[in-house]
PDB file of N, CA and C in Angstrom:
ATOM      1  N   MET A   1     -23.924-145.797 110.835  1.00  0.00           N
ATOM      2  CA  MET A   1     -23.099-146.884 111.291  1.00  0.00           C
ATOM      3  C   MET A   1     -23.055-147.960 110.215  1.00  0.00           C
ATOM      4  N   ILE A   2     -21.885-148.359 109.804  1.00  0.00           N
ATOM      5  CA  ILE A   2     -21.716-149.423 108.818  1.00  0.00           C
ATOM      6  C   ILE A   2     -21.366-150.699 109.567  1.00  0.00           C
ATOM      7  N   VAL A   3     -22.089-151.770 109.238  1.00  0.00           N
ATOM      8  CA  VAL A   3     -21.881-153.042 109.917  1.00  0.00           C
ATOM      9  C   VAL A   3     -21.358-154.056 108.912  1.00  0.00           C
ATOM     10  N   ASN A   4     -20.305-154.725 109.260  1.00  0.00           N
ATOM     11  CA  ASN A   4     -19.768-155.787 108.418  1.00  0.00           C
ATOM     12  C   ASN A   4     -20.712-156.981 108.485  1.00  0.00           C
ATOM     13  N   ILE A   5     -21.278-157.391 107.342  1.00  0.00           N
ATOM     14  CA  ILE A   5     -22.264-158.469 107.350  1.00  0.00           C
ATOM     15  C   ILE A   5     -21.660-159.826 107.659  1.00  0.00           C
ATOM     16  N   PHE A   6     -20.349-159.932 107.732  1.00  0.00           N
ATOM     17  CA  PHE A   6     -19.715-161.211 108.005  1.00  0.00           C
ATOM     18  C   PHE A   6     -19.395-161.397 109.485  1.00  0.00           C
ATOM     19  N   THR A   7     -19.716-160.402 110.299  1.00  0.00           N
ATOM     20  CA  THR A   7     -19.475-160.528 111.733  1.00  0.00           C
ATOM     21  C   THR A   7     -20.788-160.767 112.449  1.00  0.00           C
ATOM     22  N   LYS A   8     -20.689-161.124 113.708  1.00  0.00           N
ATOM     23  CA  LYS A   8     -21.894-161.324 114.510  1.00  0.00           C
ATOM     24  C   LYS A   8     -21.943-160.252 115.584  1.00  0.00           C
ATOM     25  N   VAL A   9     -23.157-159.815 115.890  1.00  0.00           N
ATOM     26  CA  VAL A   9     -23.379-158.831 116.932  1.00  0.00           C
ATOM     27  C   VAL A   9     -24.349-159.451 117.928  1.00  0.00           C
ATOM     28  N   LYS A  10     -23.940-159.557 119.173  1.00  0.00           N
ATOM     29  CA  LYS A  10     -24.777-160.146 120.215  1.00  0.00           C
ATOM     30  C   LYS A  10     -25.319-161.509 119.803  1.00  0.00           C
ATOM     31  N   GLY A  11     -24.515-162.287 119.081  1.00  0.00           N
ATOM     32  CA  GLY A  11     -24.901-163.639 118.705  1.00  0.00           C
ATOM     33  C   GLY A  11     -25.724-163.747 117.445  1.00  0.00           C
ATOM     34  N   TYR A  12     -26.140-162.628 116.854  1.00  0.00           N
ATOM     35  CA  TYR A  12     -26.929-162.656 115.622  1.00  0.00           C
ATOM     36  C   TYR A  12     -26.055-162.234 114.456  1.00  0.00           C
ATOM     37  N   PRO A  13     -26.347-162.731 113.239  1.00  0.00           N
ATOM     38  CA  PRO A  13     -25.632-162.192 112.079  1.00  0.00           C
ATOM     39  C   PRO A  13     -25.824-160.677 112.055  1.00  0.00           C
ATOM     40  N   ALA A  14     -24.781-159.936 111.757  1.00  0.00           N
ATOM     41  CA  ALA A  14     -24.838-158.478 111.857  1.00  0.00           C
ATOM     42  C   ALA A  14     -25.954-157.866 111.024  1.00  0.00           C
ATOM     43  N   SER A  15     -26.205-158.394 109.824  1.00  0.00           N
ATOM     44  CA  SER A  15     -27.255-157.816 108.991  1.00  0.00           C
ATOM     45  C   SER A  15     -28.623-158.022 109.624  1.00  0.00           C
ATOM     46  N   LEU A  16     -28.846-159.158 110.275  1.00  0.00           N
ATOM     47  CA  LEU A  16     -30.107-159.402 110.965  1.00  0.00           C
ATOM     48  C   LEU A  16     -30.203-158.507 112.187  1.00  0.00           C
ATOM     49  N   TYR A  17     -29.098-158.331 112.900  1.00  0.00           N
ATOM     50  CA  TYR A  17     -29.084-157.451 114.067  1.00  0.00           C
ATOM     51  C   TYR A  17     -29.428-156.025 113.649  1.00  0.00           C
ATOM     52  N   THR A  18     -28.944-155.598 112.489  1.00  0.00           N
ATOM     53  CA  THR A  18     -29.277-154.269 111.984  1.00  0.00           C
ATOM     54  C   THR A  18     -30.773-154.157 111.734  1.00  0.00           C
ATOM     55  N   ILE A  19     -31.380-155.197 111.162  1.00  0.00           N
ATOM     56  CA  ILE A  19     -32.823-155.191 110.953  1.00  0.00           C
ATOM     57  C   ILE A  19     -33.537-155.108 112.292  1.00  0.00           C
ATOM     58  N   MET A  20     -33.047-155.848 113.287  1.00  0.00           N
ATOM     59  CA  MET A  20     -33.679-155.841 114.596  1.00  0.00           C
ATOM     60  C   MET A  20     -33.639-154.445 115.203  1.00  0.00           C
ATOM     61  N   LEU A  21     -32.513-153.749 115.041  1.00  0.00           N
ATOM     62  CA  LEU A  21     -32.380-152.415 115.614  1.00  0.00           C
ATOM     63  C   LEU A  21     -33.159-151.362 114.852  1.00  0.00           C
ATOM     64  N   PHE A  22     -33.093-151.419 113.528  1.00  0.00           N
ATOM     65  CA  PHE A  22     -33.629-150.331 112.727  1.00  0.00           C
ATOM     66  C   PHE A  22     -34.873-150.702 111.938  1.00  0.00           C
ATOM     67  N   GLY A  23     -35.105-151.972 111.700  1.00  0.00           N
ATOM     68  CA  GLY A  23     -36.259-152.376 110.908  1.00  0.00           C
ATOM     69  C   GLY A  23     -37.489-152.682 111.729  1.00  0.00           C
ATOM     70  N   GLY A  24     -37.324-152.916 113.011  1.00  0.00           N
ATOM     71  CA  GLY A  24     -38.446-153.131 113.882  1.00  0.00           C
ATOM     72  C   GLY A  24     -39.087-154.501 113.797  1.00  0.00           C
ATOM     73  N   CYS A  25     -38.509-155.431 113.047  1.00  0.00           N
ATOM     74  CA  CYS A  25     -39.181-156.723 112.899  1.00  0.00           C
ATOM     75  C   CYS A  25     -38.621-157.778 113.829  1.00  0.00           C
ATOM     76  N   GLY A  26     -37.453-157.550 114.409  1.00  0.00           N
ATOM     77  CA  GLY A  26     -36.918-158.508 115.352  1.00  0.00           C
ATOM     78  C   GLY A  26     -36.884-159.916 114.795  1.00  0.00           C
ATOM     79  N   MET A  27     -37.334-160.850 115.597  1.00  0.00           N
ATOM     80  CA  MET A  27     -37.309-162.247 115.216  1.00  0.00           C
ATOM     81  C   MET A  27     -38.695-162.727 114.801  1.00  0.00           C
ATOM     82  N   GLU A  28     -39.554-161.816 114.478  1.00  0.00           N
ATOM     83  CA  GLU A  28     -40.932-162.143 114.111  1.00  0.00           C
ATOM     84  C   GLU A  28     -40.998-163.103 112.927  1.00  0.00           C
ATOM     85  N   TYR A  29     -40.088-162.964 111.978  1.00  0.00           N
ATOM     86  CA  TYR A  29     -40.186-163.798 110.780  1.00  0.00           C
ATOM     87  C   TYR A  29     -40.058-165.285 111.099  1.00  0.00           C
ATOM     88  N   GLN A  30     -39.309-165.641 112.130  1.00  0.00           N
ATOM     89  CA  GLN A  30     -39.161-167.059 112.485  1.00  0.00           C
ATOM     90  C   GLN A  30     -40.508-167.660 112.853  1.00  0.00           C
ATOM     91  N   ARG A  31     -41.226-166.970 113.709  1.00  0.00           N
ATOM     92  CA  ARG A  31     -42.537-167.462 114.135  1.00  0.00           C
ATOM     93  C   ARG A  31     -43.505-167.479 112.964  1.00  0.00           C
ATOM     94  N   ARG A  32     -43.446-166.439 112.144  1.00  0.00           N
ATOM     95  CA  ARG A  32     -44.396-166.345 111.036  1.00  0.00           C
ATOM     96  C   ARG A  32     -44.163-167.417 109.976  1.00  0.00           C
ATOM     97  N   ILE A  33     -42.921-167.727 109.636  1.00  0.00           N
ATOM     98  CA  ILE A  33     -42.709-168.764 108.620  1.00  0.00           C
ATOM     99  C   ILE A  33     -43.102-170.134 109.162  1.00  0.00           C
ATOM    100  N   ARG A  34     -42.881-170.351 110.453  1.00  0.00           N
ATOM    101  CA  ARG A  34     -43.315-171.610 111.051  1.00  0.00           C
ATOM    102  C   ARG A  34     -44.844-171.700 111.068  1.00  0.00           C
ATOM    103  N   ASP A  35     -45.502-170.620 111.501  1.00  0.00           N
ATOM    104  CA  ASP A  35     -46.967-170.608 111.551  1.00  0.00           C
ATOM    105  C   ASP A  35     -47.584-170.776 110.166  1.00  0.00           C
ATOM    106  N   LEU A  36     -47.023-170.104 109.166  1.00  0.00           N
ATOM    107  CA  LEU A  36     -47.543-170.244 107.807  1.00  0.00           C
ATOM    108  C   LEU A  36     -47.390-171.688 107.321  1.00  0.00           C
ATOM    109  N   ARG A  37     -46.242-172.277 107.592  1.00  0.00           N
ATOM    110  CA  ARG A  37     -46.003-173.665 107.186  1.00  0.00           C
ATOM    111  C   ARG A  37     -47.006-174.601 107.854  1.00  0.00           C
ATOM    112  N   GLU A  38     -47.184-174.423 109.154  1.00  0.00           N
ATOM    113  CA  GLU A  38     -48.114-175.288 109.890  1.00  0.00           C
ATOM    114  C   GLU A  38     -49.560-175.053 109.459  1.00  0.00           C
ATOM    115  N   ASP A  39     -49.927-173.793 109.201  1.00  0.00           N
ATOM    116  CA  ASP A  39     -51.292-173.479 108.747  1.00  0.00           C
ATOM    117  C   ASP A  39     -51.607-174.137 107.407  1.00  0.00           C
ATOM    118  N   HIS A  40     -50.577-174.367 106.599  1.00  0.00           N
ATOM    119  CA  HIS A  40     -50.759-175.007 105.288  1.00  0.00           C
ATOM    120  C   HIS A  40     -50.475-176.512 105.343  1.00  0.00           C
ATOM    121  N   ASP A  41     -50.331-177.028 106.567  1.00  0.00           N
ATOM    122  CA  ASP A  41     -50.083-178.468 106.775  1.00  0.00           C
ATOM    123  C   ASP A  41     -48.899-178.987 105.960  1.00  0.00           C
ATOM    124  N   LEU A  42     -47.822-178.229 105.985  1.00  0.00           N
ATOM    125  CA  LEU A  42     -46.608-178.620 105.271  1.00  0.00           C
ATOM    126  C   LEU A  42     -45.528-179.011 106.266  1.00  0.00           C
ATOM    127  N   THR A  43     -44.661-179.905 105.843  1.00  0.00           N
ATOM    128  CA  THR A  43     -43.496-180.258 106.649  1.00  0.00           C
ATOM    129  C   THR A  43     -42.343-179.325 106.285  1.00  0.00           C
ATOM    130  N   GLN A  44     -41.325-179.312 107.132  1.00  0.00           N
ATOM    131  CA  GLN A  44     -40.128-178.544 106.796  1.00  0.00           C
ATOM    132  C   GLN A  44     -39.504-179.074 105.512  1.00  0.00           C
ATOM    133  N   GLN A  45     -39.553-180.363 105.310  1.00  0.00           N
ATOM    134  CA  GLN A  45     -38.990-180.973 104.095  1.00  0.00           C
ATOM    135  C   GLN A  45     -39.710-180.451 102.852  1.00  0.00           C
ATOM    136  N   GLN A  46     -41.034-180.335 102.909  1.00  0.00           N
ATOM    137  CA  GLN A  46     -41.807-179.853 101.759  1.00  0.00           C
ATOM    138  C   GLN A  46     -41.476-178.390 101.452  1.00  0.00           C
ATOM    139  N   VAL A  47     -41.383-177.564 102.477  1.00  0.00           N
ATOM    140  CA  VAL A  47     -41.051-176.147 102.246  1.00  0.00           C
ATOM    141  C   VAL A  47     -39.619-176.030 101.736  1.00  0.00           C
ATOM    142  N   ALA A  48     -38.718-176.815 102.279  1.00  0.00           N
ATOM    143  CA  ALA A  48     -37.327-176.800 101.813  1.00  0.00           C
ATOM    144  C   ALA A  48     -37.259-177.142 100.330  1.00  0.00           C
ATOM    145  N   ALA A  49     -38.051-178.115  99.894  1.00  0.00           N
ATOM    146  CA  ALA A  49     -38.071-178.490  98.473  1.00  0.00           C
ATOM    147  C   ALA A  49     -38.579-177.337  97.614  1.00  0.00           C
ATOM    148  N   ILE A  50     -39.583-176.623  98.094  1.00  0.00           N
ATOM    149  CA  ILE A  50     -40.111-175.458  97.370  1.00  0.00           C
ATOM    150  C   ILE A  50     -39.019-174.406  97.210  1.00  0.00           C
ATOM    151  N   LEU A  51     -38.209-174.229  98.255  1.00  0.00           N
ATOM    152  CA  LEU A  51     -37.152-173.216  98.234  1.00  0.00           C
ATOM    153  C   LEU A  51     -35.871-173.703  97.555  1.00  0.00           C
ATOM    154  N   GLY A  52     -35.783-174.999  97.326  1.00  0.00           N
ATOM    155  CA  GLY A  52     -34.561-175.538  96.730  1.00  0.00           C
ATOM    156  C   GLY A  52     -33.412-175.600  97.712  1.00  0.00           C
ATOM    157  N   THR A  53     -33.727-175.899  98.965  1.00  0.00           N
ATOM    158  CA  THR A  53     -32.707-176.017  99.998  1.00  0.00           C
ATOM    159  C   THR A  53     -32.956-177.309 100.770  1.00  0.00           C
ATOM    160  N   SER A  54     -32.139-177.570 101.754  1.00  0.00           N
ATOM    161  CA  SER A  54     -32.302-178.787 102.547  1.00  0.00           C
ATOM    162  C   SER A  54     -33.256-178.539 103.718  1.00  0.00           C
ATOM    163  N   GLN A  55     -33.805-179.614 104.253  1.00  0.00           N
ATOM    164  CA  GLN A  55     -34.671-179.508 105.433  1.00  0.00           C
ATOM    165  C   GLN A  55     -33.877-178.949 106.601  1.00  0.00           C
ATOM    166  N   THR A  56     -32.634-179.354 106.726  1.00  0.00           N
ATOM    167  CA  THR A  56     -31.783-178.871 107.812  1.00  0.00           C
ATOM    168  C   THR A  56     -31.612-177.358 107.745  1.00  0.00           C
ATOM    169  N   MET A  57     -31.358-176.846 106.549  1.00  0.00           N
ATOM    170  CA  MET A  57     -31.175-175.405 106.397  1.00  0.00           C
ATOM    171  C   MET A  57     -32.479-174.669 106.682  1.00  0.00           C
ATOM    172  N   TYR A  58     -33.597-175.194 106.181  1.00  0.00           N
ATOM    173  CA  TYR A  58     -34.878-174.533 106.450  1.00  0.00           C
ATOM    174  C   TYR A  58     -35.178-174.528 107.957  1.00  0.00           C
ATOM    175  N   ALA A  59     -34.888-175.620 108.640  1.00  0.00           N
ATOM    176  CA  ALA A  59     -35.094-175.678 110.092  1.00  0.00           C
ATOM    177  C   ALA A  59     -34.255-174.609 110.783  1.00  0.00           C
ATOM    178  N   ARG A  60     -33.063-174.367 110.256  1.00  0.00           N
ATOM    179  CA  ARG A  60     -32.199-173.320 110.826  1.00  0.00           C
ATOM    180  C   ARG A  60     -32.807-171.932 110.619  1.00  0.00           C
ATOM    181  N   TYR A  61     -33.517-171.710 109.517  1.00  0.00           N
ATOM    182  CA  TYR A  61     -34.222-170.434 109.313  1.00  0.00           C
ATOM    183  C   TYR A  61     -35.316-170.266 110.361  1.00  0.00           C
ATOM    184  N   GLU A  62     -36.087-171.321 110.593  1.00  0.00           N
ATOM    185  CA  GLU A  62     -37.175-171.245 111.569  1.00  0.00           C
ATOM    186  C   GLU A  62     -36.654-171.020 112.988  1.00  0.00           C
ATOM    187  N   ARG A  63     -35.493-171.558 113.304  1.00  0.00           N
ATOM    188  CA  ARG A  63     -34.892-171.386 114.632  1.00  0.00           C
ATOM    189  C   ARG A  63     -34.155-170.061 114.771  1.00  0.00           C
ATOM    190  N   GLY A  64     -33.790-169.476 113.649  1.00  0.00           N
ATOM    191  CA  GLY A  64     -32.997-168.252 113.698  1.00  0.00           C
ATOM    192  C   GLY A  64     -31.508-168.506 113.739  1.00  0.00           C
ATOM    193  N   ALA A  65     -31.103-169.751 113.530  1.00  0.00           N
ATOM    194  CA  ALA A  65     -29.682-170.077 113.518  1.00  0.00           C
ATOM    195  C   ALA A  65     -29.017-169.543 112.252  1.00  0.00           C
ATOM    196  N   ASN A  66     -29.790-169.442 111.158  1.00  0.00           N
ATOM    197  CA  ASN A  66     -29.318-168.847 109.908  1.00  0.00           C
ATOM    198  C   ASN A  66     -30.316-167.784 109.481  1.00  0.00           C
ATOM    199  N   GLU A  67     -29.787-166.758 108.875  1.00  0.00           N
ATOM    200  CA  GLU A  67     -30.617-165.680 108.356  1.00  0.00           C
ATOM    201  C   GLU A  67     -31.359-166.153 107.104  1.00  0.00           C
ATOM    202  N   LEU A  68     -32.619-165.784 106.993  1.00  0.00           N
ATOM    203  CA  LEU A  68     -33.433-166.126 105.826  1.00  0.00           C
ATOM    204  C   LEU A  68     -33.003-165.260 104.648  1.00  0.00           C
ATOM    205  N   PRO A  69     -32.502-165.870 103.560  1.00  0.00           N
ATOM    206  CA  PRO A  69     -32.094-165.076 102.397  1.00  0.00           C
ATOM    207  C   PRO A  69     -33.295-164.362 101.762  1.00  0.00           C
ATOM    208  N   ILE A  70     -33.038-163.237 101.172  1.00  0.00           N
ATOM    209  CA  ILE A  70     -34.108-162.452 100.549  1.00  0.00           C
ATOM    210  C   ILE A  70     -34.828-163.264  99.486  1.00  0.00           C
ATOM    211  N   ARG A  71     -34.097-164.046  98.696  1.00  0.00           N
ATOM    212  CA  ARG A  71     -34.749-164.835  97.645  1.00  0.00           C
ATOM    213  C   ARG A  71     -35.737-165.830  98.247  1.00  0.00           C
ATOM    214  N   HIS A  72     -35.435-166.371  99.434  1.00  0.00           N
ATOM    215  CA  HIS A  72     -36.343-167.291 100.095  1.00  0.00           C
ATOM    216  C   HIS A  72     -37.512-166.541 100.730  1.00  0.00           C
ATOM    217  N   LEU A  73     -37.257-165.361 101.244  1.00  0.00           N
ATOM    218  CA  LEU A  73     -38.337-164.518 101.782  1.00  0.00           C
ATOM    219  C   LEU A  73     -39.370-164.244 100.698  1.00  0.00           C
ATOM    220  N   VAL A  74     -38.908-163.834  99.533  1.00  0.00           N
ATOM    221  CA  VAL A  74     -39.804-163.530  98.415  1.00  0.00           C
ATOM    222  C   VAL A  74     -40.534-164.792  97.946  1.00  0.00           C
ATOM    223  N   ALA A  75     -39.818-165.905  97.854  1.00  0.00           N
ATOM    224  CA  ALA A  75     -40.441-167.162  97.419  1.00  0.00           C
ATOM    225  C   ALA A  75     -41.532-167.600  98.397  1.00  0.00           C
ATOM    226  N   LEU A  76     -41.277-167.464  99.694  1.00  0.00           N
ATOM    227  CA  LEU A  76     -42.287-167.838 100.692  1.00  0.00           C
ATOM    228  C   LEU A  76     -43.499-166.916 100.619  1.00  0.00           C
ATOM    229  N   ALA A  77     -43.266-165.623 100.459  1.00  0.00           N
ATOM    230  CA  ALA A  77     -44.381-164.674 100.342  1.00  0.00           C
ATOM    231  C   ALA A  77     -45.230-165.014  99.125  1.00  0.00           C
ATOM    232  N   ASP A  78     -44.589-165.304  98.013  1.00  0.00           N
ATOM    233  CA  ASP A  78     -45.329-165.682  96.800  1.00  0.00           C
ATOM    234  C   ASP A  78     -46.091-166.985  97.008  1.00  0.00           C
ATOM    235  N   TYR A  79     -45.440-167.968  97.601  1.00  0.00           N
ATOM    236  CA  TYR A  79     -46.067-169.276  97.787  1.00  0.00           C
ATOM    237  C   TYR A  79     -47.293-169.181  98.700  1.00  0.00           C
ATOM    238  N   TYR A  80     -47.154-168.451  99.817  1.00  0.00           N
ATOM    239  CA  TYR A  80     -48.249-168.352 100.782  1.00  0.00           C
ATOM    240  C   TYR A  80     -49.234-167.223 100.462  1.00  0.00           C
ATOM    241  N   HIS A  81     -48.944-166.449  99.426  1.00  0.00           N
ATOM    242  CA  HIS A  81     -49.790-165.314  99.027  1.00  0.00           C
ATOM    243  C   HIS A  81     -49.928-164.289 100.157  1.00  0.00           C
ATOM    244  N   VAL A  82     -48.787-163.936 100.733  1.00  0.00           N
ATOM    245  CA  VAL A  82     -48.732-162.912 101.768  1.00  0.00           C
ATOM    246  C   VAL A  82     -47.665-161.898 101.363  1.00  0.00           C
ATOM    247  N   THR A  83     -47.609-160.792 102.065  1.00  0.00           N
ATOM    248  CA  THR A  83     -46.582-159.794 101.777  1.00  0.00           C
ATOM    249  C   THR A  83     -45.289-160.148 102.520  1.00  0.00           C
ATOM    250  N   THR A  84     -44.191-159.662 101.994  1.00  0.00           N
ATOM    251  CA  THR A  84     -42.924-159.852 102.705  1.00  0.00           C
ATOM    252  C   THR A  84     -42.958-159.092 104.027  1.00  0.00           C
ATOM    253  N   ASP A  85     -43.626-157.952 104.062  1.00  0.00           N
ATOM    254  CA  ASP A  85     -43.764-157.208 105.314  1.00  0.00           C
ATOM    255  C   ASP A  85     -44.497-158.027 106.364  1.00  0.00           C
ATOM    256  N   TYR A  86     -45.476-158.801 105.953  1.00  0.00           N
ATOM    257  CA  TYR A  86     -46.179-159.663 106.906  1.00  0.00           C
ATOM    258  C   TYR A  86     -45.210-160.681 107.499  1.00  0.00           C
ATOM    259  N   ILE A  87     -44.436-161.345 106.658  1.00  0.00           N
ATOM    260  CA  ILE A  87     -43.491-162.345 107.156  1.00  0.00           C
ATOM    261  C   ILE A  87     -42.483-161.706 108.105  1.00  0.00           C
ATOM    262  N   LEU A  88     -42.025-160.515 107.770  1.00  0.00           N
ATOM    263  CA  LEU A  88     -41.023-159.836 108.595  1.00  0.00           C
ATOM    264  C   LEU A  88     -41.598-159.227 109.868  1.00  0.00           C
ATOM    265  N   GLY A  89     -42.923-159.240 110.000  1.00  0.00           N
ATOM    266  CA  GLY A  89     -43.537-158.684 111.197  1.00  0.00           C
ATOM    267  C   GLY A  89     -43.711-157.184 111.147  1.00  0.00           C
ATOM    268  N   ARG A  90     -43.552-156.614 109.964  1.00  0.00           N
ATOM    269  CA  ARG A  90     -43.707-155.165 109.801  1.00  0.00           C
ATOM    270  C   ARG A  90     -45.145-154.770 109.517  1.00  0.00           C
ATOM    271  N   SER A  91     -46.004-155.772 109.308  1.00  0.00           N
ATOM    272  CA  SER A  91     -47.408-155.522 109.009  1.00  0.00           C
ATOM    273  C   SER A  91     -48.221-156.734 109.456  1.00  0.00           C
ATOM    274  N   ASN A  92     -49.451-156.501 109.841  1.00  0.00           N
ATOM    275  CA  ASN A  92     -50.354-157.603 110.142  1.00  0.00           C
ATOM    276  C   ASN A  92     -51.236-157.927 108.962  1.00  0.00           C
ATOM    277  N   LYS A  93     -51.091-157.163 107.889  1.00  0.00           N
ATOM    278  CA  LYS A  93     -51.863-157.375 106.668  1.00  0.00           C
ATOM    279  C   LYS A  93     -51.183-158.472 105.852  1.00  0.00           C
ATOM    280  N   LYS A  94     -51.918-159.556 105.642  1.00  0.00           N
ATOM    281  CA  LYS A  94     -51.316-160.691 104.929  1.00  0.00           C
ATOM    282  C   LYS A  94     -51.320-160.519 103.424  1.00  0.00           C
ATOM    283  N   SER A  95     -52.411-160.017 102.861  1.00  0.00           N
ATOM    284  CA  SER A  95     -52.538-160.006 101.399  1.00  0.00           C
ATOM    285  C   SER A  95     -51.825-158.836 100.767  1.00  0.00           C
ATOM    286  N   PRO A  96     -51.250-159.108  99.585  1.00  0.00           N
ATOM    287  CA  PRO A  96     -50.518-158.055  98.851  1.00  0.00           C
ATOM    288  C   PRO A  96     -51.426-156.954  98.337  1.00  0.00           C
TER     289      PRO A  96
END
C-alpha cells in the first residue's frame, strides 16, 4: 500500500499513521521526548534551541500535532545519549 505523505489518515499525518500500523511505535515517541526533556530538567524552549526550531513547533511535536522530523529524532537521540529506537518506543534499551 502506498500512502501519500501529504494526506491525513484518521487525523494523523499519513507517514506517521503508516509507522503506527507497521512500525509498532504508535505515539510512544511523544511521551518519551517529553519524559527525556523533563528528566534532564530542560524547558521546551531549551530543547527547541538545541534543535534549531521554535518552542511552539517543539510543543507540537510533544503533543503529536506535528510529526517529529527524522533530523530532530536523530539530534534528540544524540543529545540524550539514547537510541532512536528507544525514542520511537521500539526498544526499552536506552543506550546505543
